[in-house]
């Protein structure tokens, strides 16, 4: 699914992540610019927003 989104929408970054306790678990992702580090908690960022809201984005 991640590869299809990457190809069809021509996005450079997309992924599926899950929160397990205090840990952010990468299920699948595509990132054209090397390794990605996303903080699961904090004020900024789409991952932190999804964790705060407890819903997918």
C-alpha atoms as a PDB file:
ATOM      1  CA  UNK A   1       0.000   0.000   0.000  1.00  0.00           C
ATOM      2  CA  UNK A   2       2.813   2.427   0.879  1.00  0.00           C
ATOM      3  CA  UNK A   3       4.566   1.760  -2.427  1.00  0.00           C
ATOM      4  CA  UNK A   4       1.318   2.320  -4.342  1.00  0.00           C
ATOM      5  CA  UNK A   5       0.741   5.679  -2.628  1.00  0.00           C
ATOM      6  CA  UNK A   6       4.355   6.619  -3.315  1.00  0.00           C
ATOM      7  CA  UNK A   7       4.051   5.804  -7.024  1.00  0.00           C
ATOM      8  CA  UNK A   8       0.507   6.955  -7.778  1.00  0.00           C
ATOM      9  CA  UNK A   9       0.642  10.253  -5.866  1.00  0.00           C
ATOM     10  CA  UNK A  10       4.343  10.906  -6.532  1.00  0.00           C
ATOM     11  CA  UNK A  11       5.043  11.702  -2.875  1.00  0.00           C
ATOM     12  CA  UNK A  12       8.574  11.435  -1.525  1.00  0.00           C
ATOM     13  CA  UNK A  13       7.490  10.393   1.956  1.00  0.00           C
ATOM     14  CA  UNK A  14       4.669   8.167   3.169  1.00  0.00           C
ATOM     15  CA  UNK A  15       4.347   5.486   5.770  1.00  0.00           C
ATOM     16  CA  UNK A  16       2.385   3.475   8.266  1.00  0.00           C
ATOM     17  CA  UNK A  17       3.404   3.762  11.918  1.00  0.00           C
ATOM     18  CA  UNK A  18       1.880   2.412  15.132  1.00  0.00           C
ATOM     19  CA  UNK A  19       2.240   3.485  18.742  1.00  0.00           C
ATOM     20  CA  UNK A  20       3.098   0.655  21.112  1.00  0.00           C
ATOM     21  CA  UNK A  21       3.325   1.926  24.669  1.00  0.00           C
ATOM     22  CA  UNK A  22       5.888   4.732  24.581  1.00  0.00           C
ATOM     23  CA  UNK A  23       7.449   3.517  21.337  1.00  0.00           C
ATOM     24  CA  UNK A  24       6.730   4.451  17.719  1.00  0.00           C
ATOM     25  CA  UNK A  25       6.863   1.320  15.553  1.00  0.00           C
ATOM     26  CA  UNK A  26       7.469   1.609  11.804  1.00  0.00           C
ATOM     27  CA  UNK A  27       5.246  -0.801   9.899  1.00  0.00           C
ATOM     28  CA  UNK A  28       6.146   0.326   6.358  1.00  0.00           C
ATOM     29  CA  UNK A  29       7.458   3.512   4.814  1.00  0.00           C
ATOM     30  CA  UNK A  30       9.013   5.126   1.772  1.00  0.00           C
ATOM     31  CA  UNK A  31      11.363   8.068   2.262  1.00  0.00           C
ATOM     32  CA  UNK A  32      13.470   9.162  -0.694  1.00  0.00           C
ATOM     33  CA  UNK A  33      15.970  11.125   1.378  1.00  0.00           C
ATOM     34  CA  UNK A  34      17.630   8.502   3.618  1.00  0.00           C
ATOM     35  CA  UNK A  35      16.710   7.508   7.168  1.00  0.00           C
ATOM     36  CA  UNK A  36      13.823   9.242   8.883  1.00  0.00           C
ATOM     37  CA  UNK A  37      13.467   9.908  12.598  1.00  0.00           C
ATOM     38  CA  UNK A  38      10.044  10.994  13.767  1.00  0.00           C
ATOM     39  CA  UNK A  39       9.357  11.818  17.408  1.00  0.00           C
ATOM     40  CA  UNK A  40       6.088  10.234  18.583  1.00  0.00           C
ATOM     41  CA  UNK A  41       5.496  12.956  21.184  1.00  0.00           C
ATOM     42  CA  UNK A  42       5.971  16.684  21.053  1.00  0.00           C
ATOM     43  CA  UNK A  43       4.449  19.925  19.917  1.00  0.00           C
ATOM     44  CA  UNK A  44       5.243  19.671  16.204  1.00  0.00           C
ATOM     45  CA  UNK A  45       4.947  17.142  13.410  1.00  0.00           C
ATOM     46  CA  UNK A  46       2.218  15.042  11.875  1.00  0.00           C
ATOM     47  CA  UNK A  47       3.172  11.893  13.800  1.00  0.00           C
ATOM     48  CA  UNK A  48       3.021  13.729  17.142  1.00  0.00           C
ATOM     49  CA  UNK A  49      -0.348  15.199  16.094  1.00  0.00           C
ATOM     50  CA  UNK A  50      -1.750  11.745  15.284  1.00  0.00           C
ATOM     51  CA  UNK A  51      -0.498  10.380  18.620  1.00  0.00           C
ATOM     52  CA  UNK A  52      -2.073  13.288  20.539  1.00  0.00           C
ATOM     53  CA  UNK A  53      -5.381  12.917  18.687  1.00  0.00           C
ATOM     54  CA  UNK A  54      -5.298   9.093  18.931  1.00  0.00           C
ATOM     55  CA  UNK A  55      -6.420   8.742  15.312  1.00  0.00           C
ATOM     56  CA  UNK A  56      -4.861   8.140  11.882  1.00  0.00           C
ATOM     57  CA  UNK A  57      -4.026  11.055   9.643  1.00  0.00           C
END
